[in-house]
Amino acid sequence: MIFLCNIKWAYRIGSSGEDSVSGMKETRDGNYFYVFGGFSGTNVDFNPADGVEDLHSSQGGKDYFISKYKKSGEYLWTRTFGNSEDQRCFTESESGC
């Protein structure tokens, strides 16, 4: 199967620790989307804009994050969750796949 897509923008976000994206979800109205996954380390900058920082640090082990973007790619915010243990972030698609 061959998938063709029209990439509008892309960002590299991460730290020197172990980082991963578990998934992405578009809002029902199609104007926003969420990116979620796990990260570790300190002072991880989730804002891809040059010269603007949104720093977060894990609370010990691997924590998870949820970031919100406009469909244009404009970064809005990130929320992080965790404690001294490793955390996991899971999702389930609306279609049940």
Foldseek 3Di string as FASTA:
>chain_A
DDDDDDDLDDADWADPWDWDWQDKAADPVRFKIKIKWKHAAFQGFPQRDPPDGDGDHAQAAIKMKIWMATPNGHTDDMDIDDHNDHDGDDDADPVRD
